[in-house]
C-alpha atoms as a PDB file:
ATOM      1  CA  MET A   1     -13.120  -7.514   2.728  1.00  0.00           C
ATOM      2  CA  MET A   2     -13.386 -10.720   1.884  1.00  0.00           C
ATOM      3  CA  THR A   3     -10.650 -13.605   1.751  1.00  0.00           C
ATOM      4  CA  ARG A   4     -10.472 -16.707   0.982  1.00  0.00           C
ATOM      5  CA  ARG A   5      -8.493 -19.638   0.734  1.00  0.00           C
ATOM      6  CA  THR A   6      -8.228 -23.704  -0.397  1.00  0.00           C
ATOM      7  CA  GLU A   7      -6.580 -26.197   0.155  1.00  0.00           C
ATOM      8  CA  LEU A   8      -6.146 -29.462  -1.890  1.00  0.00           C
ATOM      9  CA  SER A   9      -4.263 -32.732  -0.507  1.00  0.00           C
ATOM     10  CA  LEU A  10      -4.766 -36.208  -2.265  1.00  0.00           C
ATOM     11  CA  GLN A  11      -5.134 -39.042  -0.264  1.00  0.00           C
ATOM     12  CA  GLU A  12      -4.006 -42.350  -1.031  1.00  0.00           C
ATOM     13  CA  THR A  13      -5.488 -45.171  -0.213  1.00  0.00           C
ATOM     14  CA  SER A  14      -6.398 -48.592  -2.802  1.00  0.00           C
ATOM     15  CA  PRO A  15      -5.556 -48.729  -6.069  1.00  0.00           C
ATOM     16  CA  HIS A  16      -8.034 -48.400  -8.889  1.00  0.00           C
ATOM     17  CA  TRP A  17     -10.309 -45.475 -10.478  1.00  0.00           C
ATOM     18  CA  GLY A  18      -9.337 -42.282  -8.372  1.00  0.00           C
ATOM     19  CA  HIS A  19      -7.519 -40.538 -11.185  1.00  0.00           C
ATOM     20  CA  GLY A  20     -10.001 -39.170 -12.981  1.00  0.00           C
ATOM     21  CA  ILE A  21     -11.403 -37.657  -9.778  1.00  0.00           C
ATOM     22  CA  ALA A  22      -8.248 -36.204  -8.315  1.00  0.00           C
ATOM     23  CA  ILE A  23      -6.987 -35.088 -11.667  1.00  0.00           C
ATOM     24  CA  ALA A  24     -10.429 -33.551 -11.853  1.00  0.00           C
ATOM     25  CA  ALA A  25     -10.417 -31.708  -8.831  1.00  0.00           C
ATOM     26  CA  ILE A  26      -6.819 -30.385  -9.653  1.00  0.00           C
ATOM     27  CA  ALA A  27      -8.217 -28.945 -12.594  1.00  0.00           C
ATOM     28  CA  ALA A  28     -11.322 -27.078 -10.439  1.00  0.00           C
ATOM     29  CA  LEU A  29      -8.919 -25.539  -8.503  1.00  0.00           C
ATOM     30  CA  VAL A  30      -6.123 -24.339 -11.104  1.00  0.00           C
ATOM     31  CA  ALA A  31      -9.010 -22.782 -13.306  1.00  0.00           C
ATOM     32  CA  GLY A  32     -10.210 -20.765 -10.488  1.00  0.00           C
ATOM     33  CA  CYS A  33      -7.198 -20.243  -8.493  1.00  0.00           C
ATOM     34  CA  ALA A  34      -6.395 -18.700 -12.498  1.00  0.00           C
ATOM     35  CA  ASP A  35      -9.907 -16.925 -12.341  1.00  0.00           C
ATOM     36  CA  LEU A  36      -8.984 -13.604 -10.861  1.00  0.00           C
ATOM     37  CA  PRO A  37     -11.397 -11.069  -9.060  1.00  0.00           C
ATOM     38  CA  ALA A  38     -11.810  -8.179 -11.982  1.00  0.00           C
ATOM     39  CA  GLN A  39     -11.084  -4.738 -12.278  1.00  0.00           C
ATOM     40  CA  GLU A  40     -13.092  -2.432 -10.322  1.00  0.00           C
ATOM     41  CA  PRO A  41     -13.646   1.541 -11.864  1.00  0.00           C
ATOM     42  CA  ALA A  42     -13.260   3.597  -8.994  1.00  0.00           C
ATOM     43  CA  ARG A  43     -17.040   5.201  -7.889  1.00  0.00           C
ATOM     44  CA  VAL A  44     -17.755   8.361  -5.563  1.00  0.00           C
ATOM     45  CA  ASP A  45     -18.762   7.054  -2.039  1.00  0.00           C
ATOM     46  CA  SER A  46     -22.763   5.788  -2.526  1.00  0.00           C
ATOM     47  CA  ALA A  47     -22.854   5.402   0.930  1.00  0.00           C
ATOM     48  CA  ALA A  48     -26.303   4.813   3.046  1.00  0.00           C
ATOM     49  CA  SER A  49     -25.276   7.603   5.238  1.00  0.00           C
ATOM     50  CA  THR A  50     -23.627   9.594   2.223  1.00  0.00           C
ATOM     51  CA  ARG A  51     -26.710   9.100   0.593  1.00  0.00           C
ATOM     52  CA  GLN A  52     -28.970  10.661   4.079  1.00  0.00           C
ATOM     53  CA  LEU A  53     -26.514  13.656   4.099  1.00  0.00           C
ATOM     54  CA  LYS A  54     -26.781  14.773   0.622  1.00  0.00           C
ATOM     55  CA  ALA A  55     -30.774  14.384   0.951  1.00  0.00           C
ATOM     56  CA  LEU A  56     -30.844  16.554   3.786  1.00  0.00           C
ATOM     57  CA  PRO A  57     -33.052  19.942   2.969  1.00  0.00           C
ATOM     58  CA  ARG A  58     -31.053  22.937   1.284  1.00  0.00           C
ATOM     59  CA  LYS A  59     -30.750  25.915   3.983  1.00  0.00           C
ATOM     60  CA  THR A  60     -31.782  28.645   2.334  1.00  0.00           C
ATOM     61  CA  GLY A  61     -29.984  32.626   3.377  1.00  0.00           C
ATOM     62  CA  GLU A  62     -26.741  32.496   4.934  1.00  0.00           C
ATOM     63  CA  LEU A  63     -24.984  29.267   6.263  1.00  0.00           C
ATOM     64  CA  THR A  64     -23.529  29.558   9.584  1.00  0.00           C
ATOM     65  CA  PRO A  65     -19.365  29.332   9.566  1.00  0.00           C
ATOM     66  CA  VAL A  66     -19.050  26.091  11.447  1.00  0.00           C
ATOM     67  CA  SER A  67     -15.071  24.683  12.144  1.00  0.00           C
ATOM     68  CA  ILE A  68     -13.334  21.718  13.600  1.00  0.00           C
ATOM     69  CA  TYR A  69      -9.601  21.157  14.745  1.00  0.00           C
ATOM     70  CA  GLU A  70      -9.351  17.794  15.486  1.00  0.00           C
ATOM     71  CA  PHE A  71     -10.797  14.775  16.191  1.00  0.00           C
ATOM     72  CA  ARG A  72      -9.120  12.523  19.269  1.00  0.00           C
ATOM     73  CA  SER A  73      -9.097   9.147  19.047  1.00  0.00           C
ATOM     74  CA  SER A  74      -8.288   6.559  21.909  1.00  0.00           C
ATOM     75  CA  VAL A  75      -8.236   3.958  19.239  1.00  0.00           C
ATOM     76  CA  SER A  76      -5.001   2.971  18.197  1.00  0.00           C
ATOM     77  CA  GLU A  77      -6.091   1.347  14.516  1.00  0.00           C
ATOM     78  CA  ILE A  78      -7.685   5.032  13.925  1.00  0.00           C
ATOM     79  CA  PRO A  79      -5.443   8.444  13.636  1.00  0.00           C
ATOM     80  CA  ALA A  80      -7.578  10.906  14.474  1.00  0.00           C
ATOM     81  CA  ARG A  81      -6.106  13.047  11.602  1.00  0.00           C
ATOM     82  CA  GLY A  82      -7.720  10.977   9.104  1.00  0.00           C
ATOM     83  CA  ALA A  83     -11.873  10.814  11.541  1.00  0.00           C
ATOM     84  CA  THR A  84     -11.122  14.884  11.114  1.00  0.00           C
ATOM     85  CA  ASP A  85     -10.526  15.026   7.181  1.00  0.00           C
ATOM     86  CA  MET A  86     -13.959  12.419   7.272  1.00  0.00           C
ATOM     87  CA  PHE A  87     -16.128  15.231  10.095  1.00  0.00           C
ATOM     88  CA  LYS A  88     -15.494  18.034   7.405  1.00  0.00           C
ATOM     89  CA  THR A  89     -16.191  16.153   4.576  1.00  0.00           C
ATOM     90  CA  ALA A  90     -19.869  15.029   5.868  1.00  0.00           C
ATOM     91  CA  LEU A  91     -19.757  18.717   7.016  1.00  0.00           C
ATOM     92  CA  VAL A  92     -19.912  19.607   3.952  1.00  0.00           C
ATOM     93  CA  ASN A  93     -22.145  17.073   2.134  1.00  0.00           C
ATOM     94  CA  SER A  94     -24.512  18.317   4.736  1.00  0.00           C
ATOM     95  CA  GLY A  95     -25.037  21.791   2.884  1.00  0.00           C
ATOM     96  CA  GLN A  96     -25.984  22.457   6.792  1.00  0.00           C
ATOM     97  CA  PHE A  97     -22.952  24.730   7.299  1.00  0.00           C
ATOM     98  CA  ARG A  98     -20.877  26.796   6.060  1.00  0.00           C
ATOM     99  CA  VAL A  99     -16.653  24.805   7.071  1.00  0.00           C
ATOM    100  CA  VAL A 100     -14.377  26.667   7.638  1.00  0.00           C
ATOM    101  CA  GLU A 101     -10.561  25.890   7.819  1.00  0.00           C
ATOM    102  CA  ARG A 102      -8.658  25.555  10.653  1.00  0.00           C
ATOM    103  CA  ALA A 103      -6.417  22.365  11.181  1.00  0.00           C
ATOM    104  CA  ARG A 104      -4.506  22.988   8.349  1.00  0.00           C
ATOM    105  CA  LEU A 105      -4.690  26.341   7.361  1.00  0.00           C
ATOM    106  CA  ASN A 106      -0.656  26.543   7.854  1.00  0.00           C
ATOM    107  CA  GLU A 107      -0.300  24.180   4.954  1.00  0.00           C
ATOM    108  CA  GLY A 108      -2.432  26.179   2.738  1.00  0.00           C
ATOM    109  CA  VAL A 109      -4.033  28.808   3.250  1.00  0.00           C
ATOM    110  CA  ILE A 110      -1.493  30.834   5.285  1.00  0.00           C
ATOM    111  CA  ARG A 111       1.165  30.020   2.805  1.00  0.00           C
ATOM    112  CA  GLU A 112      -0.681  31.666  -0.163  1.00  0.00           C
ATOM    113  CA  LYS A 113      -1.426  34.831   2.093  1.00  0.00           C
ATOM    114  CA  GLN A 114       2.326  34.859   2.007  1.00  0.00           C
ATOM    115  CA  LEU A 115       2.691  35.056  -1.003  1.00  0.00           C
ATOM    116  CA  ASN A 116       0.406  37.591  -1.962  1.00  0.00           C
ATOM    117  CA  ALA A 117       2.085  39.799   0.744  1.00  0.00           C
ATOM    118  CA  GLY A 118       4.956  39.046  -0.759  1.00  0.00           C
ATOM    119  CA  LYS A 119       3.264  40.058  -3.939  1.00  0.00           C
ATOM    120  CA  LEU A 120       4.267  36.515  -5.093  1.00  0.00           C
ATOM    121  CA  SER A 121       0.651  36.688  -6.539  1.00  0.00           C
ATOM    122  CA  GLY A 122      -2.161  38.951  -7.732  1.00  0.00           C
ATOM    123  CA  GLY A 123      -5.050  40.051  -5.682  1.00  0.00           C
ATOM    124  CA  LYS A 124      -5.884  41.005  -2.472  1.00  0.00           C
ATOM    125  CA  SER A 125      -5.804  37.916  -0.693  1.00  0.00           C
ATOM    126  CA  ALA A 126      -3.286  39.067   1.960  1.00  0.00           C
ATOM    127  CA  THR A 127      -5.093  41.449   3.365  1.00  0.00           C
ATOM    128  CA  THR A 128      -8.791  39.569   3.304  1.00  0.00           C
ATOM    129  CA  LYS A 129      -9.232  38.678   7.158  1.00  0.00           C
ATOM    130  CA  LEU A 130     -10.197  35.050   7.660  1.00  0.00           C
ATOM    131  CA  THR A 131     -13.917  34.227   7.976  1.00  0.00           C
ATOM    132  CA  GLU A 132     -15.080  33.626  12.160  1.00  0.00           C
ATOM    133  CA  ALA A 133     -15.878  30.835  12.937  1.00  0.00           C
ATOM    134  CA  LYS A 134     -18.890  31.105  14.925  1.00  0.00           C
ATOM    135  CA  TYR A 135     -19.659  27.049  16.459  1.00  0.00           C
ATOM    136  CA  LEU A 136     -16.652  24.805  16.509  1.00  0.00           C
ATOM    137  CA  PHE A 137     -17.083  21.377  16.296  1.00  0.00           C
ATOM    138  CA  GLU A 138     -14.931  18.988  18.975  1.00  0.00           C
ATOM    139  CA  GLY A 139     -15.270  14.850  18.080  1.00  0.00           C
ATOM    140  CA  ALA A 140     -13.459  11.990  19.468  1.00  0.00           C
ATOM    141  CA  ILE A 141     -13.556   7.849  19.289  1.00  0.00           C
ATOM    142  CA  THR A 142     -14.393   6.562  22.754  1.00  0.00           C
ATOM    143  CA  GLN A 143     -15.012   3.253  21.990  1.00  0.00           C
ATOM    144  CA  ALA A 144     -13.857   0.472  19.644  1.00  0.00           C
ATOM    145  CA  ASN A 145     -15.228  -2.945  21.815  1.00  0.00           C
ATOM    146  CA  ALA A 146     -13.595  -5.632  19.442  1.00  0.00           C
ATOM    147  CA  GLY A 147     -15.181  -9.154  19.947  1.00  0.00           C
ATOM    148  CA  GLU A 148     -18.598  -8.121  21.492  1.00  0.00           C
ATOM    149  CA  THR A 149     -20.524 -11.067  20.431  1.00  0.00           C
ATOM    150  CA  GLN A 150     -18.981 -13.627  19.384  1.00  0.00           C
ATOM    151  CA  ARG A 151     -20.597 -16.979  17.892  1.00  0.00           C
ATOM    152  CA  ALA A 152     -18.810 -20.025  16.220  1.00  0.00           C
ATOM    153  CA  GLY A 153     -20.202 -23.544  15.602  1.00  0.00           C
ATOM    154  CA  ALA A 154     -19.033 -27.114  13.975  1.00  0.00           C
ATOM    155  CA  PHE A 155     -20.833 -30.074  13.035  1.00  0.00           C
ATOM    156  CA  GLY A 156     -18.769 -33.072  10.847  1.00  0.00           C
ATOM    157  CA  ILE A 157     -19.770 -36.298   9.578  1.00  0.00           C
ATOM    158  CA  ALA A 158     -18.233 -39.387   8.181  1.00  0.00           C
ATOM    159  CA  GLY A 159     -14.965 -37.801   8.822  1.00  0.00           C
ATOM    160  CA  ALA A 160     -16.291 -33.994   6.718  1.00  0.00           C
ATOM    161  CA  GLN A 161     -15.804 -30.996   9.492  1.00  0.00           C
ATOM    162  CA  ILE A 162     -18.300 -27.395   8.757  1.00  0.00           C
ATOM    163  CA  GLY A 163     -17.927 -24.794  11.224  1.00  0.00           C
ATOM    164  CA  GLY A 164     -18.257 -20.986  11.407  1.00  0.00           C
ATOM    165  CA  SER A 165     -17.884 -17.986  13.261  1.00  0.00           C
ATOM    166  CA  THR A 166     -19.372 -14.759  13.977  1.00  0.00           C
ATOM    167  CA  ASN A 167     -18.441 -11.476  15.377  1.00  0.00           C
ATOM    168  CA  ARG A 168     -19.781  -8.646  16.376  1.00  0.00           C
ATOM    169  CA  ASP A 169     -17.243  -5.421  16.731  1.00  0.00           C
ATOM    170  CA  VAL A 170     -18.064  -1.550  18.078  1.00  0.00           C
ATOM    171  CA  ILE A 171     -17.030   1.642  17.600  1.00  0.00           C
ATOM    172  CA  GLY A 172     -18.681   4.860  19.328  1.00  0.00           C
ATOM    173  CA  VAL A 173     -18.039   8.680  18.046  1.00  0.00           C
ATOM    174  CA  ASP A 174     -18.690  11.500  20.230  1.00  0.00           C
ATOM    175  CA  VAL A 175     -19.076  14.381  19.181  1.00  0.00           C
ATOM    176  CA  ARG A 176     -20.176  18.054  20.881  1.00  0.00           C
ATOM    177  CA  VAL A 177     -20.882  21.449  19.503  1.00  0.00           C
ATOM    178  CA  VAL A 178     -19.070  24.586  20.990  1.00  0.00           C
ATOM    179  CA  GLU A 179     -20.276  28.418  20.864  1.00  0.00           C
ATOM    180  CA  VAL A 180     -17.188  30.540  20.532  1.00  0.00           C
ATOM    181  CA  GLY A 181     -18.562  34.210  21.753  1.00  0.00           C
ATOM    182  CA  SER A 182     -19.807  31.802  24.501  1.00  0.00           C
ATOM    183  CA  GLY A 183     -17.607  28.552  25.374  1.00  0.00           C
ATOM    184  CA  ASP A 184     -21.198  27.004  25.779  1.00  0.00           C
ATOM    185  CA  ILE A 185     -22.108  23.363  24.485  1.00  0.00           C
ATOM    186  CA  VAL A 186     -25.194  23.435  23.445  1.00  0.00           C
ATOM    187  CA  ALA A 187     -25.064  20.650  21.078  1.00  0.00           C
ATOM    188  CA  ALA A 188     -23.360  16.689  21.422  1.00  0.00           C
ATOM    189  CA  VAL A 189     -24.696  13.671  19.837  1.00  0.00           C
ATOM    190  CA  THR A 190     -23.525  10.208  20.461  1.00  0.00           C
ATOM    191  CA  VAL A 191     -23.645   7.239  17.286  1.00  0.00           C
ATOM    192  CA  GLN A 192     -22.326   3.740  18.340  1.00  0.00           C
ATOM    193  CA  LYS A 193     -21.765   1.241  14.614  1.00  0.00           C
ATOM    194  CA  ALA A 194     -21.396  -2.177  14.825  1.00  0.00           C
ATOM    195  CA  ILE A 195     -18.577  -3.936  12.647  1.00  0.00           C
ATOM    196  CA  ALA A 196     -19.479  -7.817  11.323  1.00  0.00           C
ATOM    197  CA  SER A 197     -17.216 -10.152  10.732  1.00  0.00           C
ATOM    198  CA  ASP A 198     -18.250 -13.673   9.769  1.00  0.00           C
ATOM    199  CA  SER A 199     -16.397 -17.027   8.707  1.00  0.00           C
ATOM    200  CA  ALA A 200     -17.128 -20.294   7.232  1.00  0.00           C
ATOM    201  CA  ASN A 201     -14.837 -23.671   6.414  1.00  0.00           C
ATOM    202  CA  VAL A 202     -14.841 -27.057   5.370  1.00  0.00           C
ATOM    203  CA  SER A 203     -12.960 -30.079   5.570  1.00  0.00           C
ATOM    204  CA  GLY A 204     -12.903 -33.601   5.552  1.00  0.00           C
ATOM    205  CA  ILE A 205     -14.319 -33.525   1.852  1.00  0.00           C
ATOM    206  CA  GLY A 206     -11.860 -37.072   0.951  1.00  0.00           C
ATOM    207  CA  SER A 207     -12.991 -38.724   3.664  1.00  0.00           C
ATOM    208  CA  LEU A 208     -16.871 -38.355   3.620  1.00  0.00           C
ATOM    209  CA  ILE A 209     -16.199 -39.963  -0.144  1.00  0.00           C
ATOM    210  CA  GLY A 210     -13.476 -42.512   0.875  1.00  0.00           C
ATOM    211  CA  THR A 211     -16.327 -43.611   2.734  1.00  0.00           C
ATOM    212  CA  MET A 212     -19.476 -43.287   0.972  1.00  0.00           C
ATOM    213  CA  LEU A 213     -17.788 -45.141  -1.855  1.00  0.00           C
ATOM    214  CA  ALA A 214     -16.248 -47.877   1.142  1.00  0.00           C
ATOM    215  CA  LYS A 215     -20.284 -48.550   1.783  1.00  0.00           C
ATOM    216  CA  GLN A 216     -21.011 -49.013  -1.767  1.00  0.00           C
ATOM    217  CA  GLY A 217     -18.061 -51.635  -2.048  1.00  0.00           C
ATOM    218  CA  ARG A 218     -15.571 -49.481  -4.064  1.00  0.00           C
ATOM    219  CA  SER A 219     -11.835 -48.467  -3.737  1.00  0.00           C
ATOM    220  CA  THR A 220      -9.947 -45.987  -5.015  1.00  0.00           C
ATOM    221  CA  THR A 221      -6.319 -45.097  -5.310  1.00  0.00           C
ATOM    222  CA  TYR A 222      -6.524 -41.457  -4.304  1.00  0.00           C
ATOM    223  CA  VAL A 223      -9.406 -39.290  -3.027  1.00  0.00           C
ATOM    224  CA  PRO A 224      -9.111 -35.640  -2.976  1.00  0.00           C
ATOM    225  CA  ASP A 225      -9.576 -33.737   0.140  1.00  0.00           C
ATOM    226  CA  VAL A 226     -10.515 -30.119  -0.287  1.00  0.00           C
ATOM    227  CA  GLN A 227     -10.233 -27.356   2.134  1.00  0.00           C
ATOM    228  CA  LEU A 228     -12.086 -23.985   2.097  1.00  0.00           C
ATOM    229  CA  GLN A 229     -11.845 -21.199   4.109  1.00  0.00           C
ATOM    230  CA  GLN A 230     -13.879 -18.160   3.490  1.00  0.00           C
ATOM    231  CA  GLN A 231     -13.812 -15.184   5.527  1.00  0.00           C
ATOM    232  CA  ARG A 232     -15.799 -12.013   5.264  1.00  0.00           C
ATOM    233  CA  LYS A 233     -15.350  -8.597   7.543  1.00  0.00           C
ATOM    234  CA  GLN A 234     -16.920  -4.827   7.404  1.00  0.00           C
ATOM    235  CA  SER A 235     -14.420  -2.432   6.407  1.00  0.00           C
ATOM    236  CA  LEU A 236     -13.388   0.057   9.976  1.00  0.00           C
ATOM    237  CA  ASP A 237     -12.832   3.088   7.237  1.00  0.00           C
ATOM    238  CA  VAL A 238     -16.579   2.413   6.513  1.00  0.00           C
ATOM    239  CA  ALA A 239     -17.603   2.167   9.957  1.00  0.00           C
ATOM    240  CA  LEU A 240     -16.214   5.091  11.004  1.00  0.00           C
ATOM    241  CA  ARG A 241     -17.866   6.618   8.249  1.00  0.00           C
ATOM    242  CA  ALA A 242     -20.739   6.079   8.497  1.00  0.00           C
ATOM    243  CA  ALA A 243     -21.279   6.595  12.468  1.00  0.00           C
ATOM    244  CA  ILE A 244     -19.894  10.474  11.442  1.00  0.00           C
ATOM    245  CA  ASP A 245     -22.207  11.168   8.721  1.00  0.00           C
ATOM    246  CA  GLN A 246     -25.160   9.722  11.201  1.00  0.00           C
ATOM    247  CA  ALA A 247     -23.660  12.152  14.021  1.00  0.00           C
ATOM    248  CA  VAL A 248     -23.711  14.900  11.464  1.00  0.00           C
ATOM    249  CA  VAL A 249     -27.256  13.978  10.867  1.00  0.00           C
ATOM    250  CA  GLU A 250     -28.418  14.600  14.275  1.00  0.00           C
ATOM    251  CA  LEU A 251     -26.590  17.178  15.141  1.00  0.00           C
ATOM    252  CA  ALA A 252     -28.473  19.179  11.618  1.00  0.00           C
ATOM    253  CA  GLU A 253     -31.362  18.283  12.647  1.00  0.00           C
ATOM    254  CA  ARG A 254     -31.467  19.105  16.334  1.00  0.00           C
ATOM    255  CA  PHE A 255     -29.572  22.004  16.175  1.00  0.00           C
ATOM    256  CA  GLU A 256     -30.436  24.627  15.861  1.00  0.00           C
ATOM    257  CA  HIS A 257     -27.862  27.740  13.889  1.00  0.00           C
END
């Protein structure tokens, strides 16, 4: 995600020559603002972590049934329900497990069984037993270290200022695998994912131009001053999905099921 803000101001100096510069600068600014970003079509998630999940060797034979009730989140910016849905998607994409629904049974499966029991639908779903989950996954978002590392700097010359900064946040995900029959924790993994952001800004260009013209013995009526700020930050949702995908990759490789 990137946000950009450009500001233009006109500084009056002495009576000469600057109308052309001012008009050209305003025209360039208006043209830039009118150039709206092109619309992008929707696409299937193709992040590196998702591709890594889908590239895992497919298991043959009957897959082990697993489920998850709910991710826990100690981070206010990240709702637990969204993380739960991401984790279920990652389990399915891995092709290593038979994922059975538990978190939202009452909102879908149970209603359908009730309809069938009331003879409002065909088939025998009302009397069909649910698949037993052999393992349950327990997940938690346990860390959100905002501003783990921060750097900023700037320099100026003849009134012009150029500066920038970088910031690095970190989120952490813990996942455990519990055997339903015994309650034993048979596997666990912790994954951390960095979220990078940066910014840059430029200002005082008008002062720099005025100084350069003064050195040449020239003056202008108006000196345009451009201020440019740019900020970029990686998406928190994308970072969380990458951490969850990596957790599933690790568990699939080390967990015998």
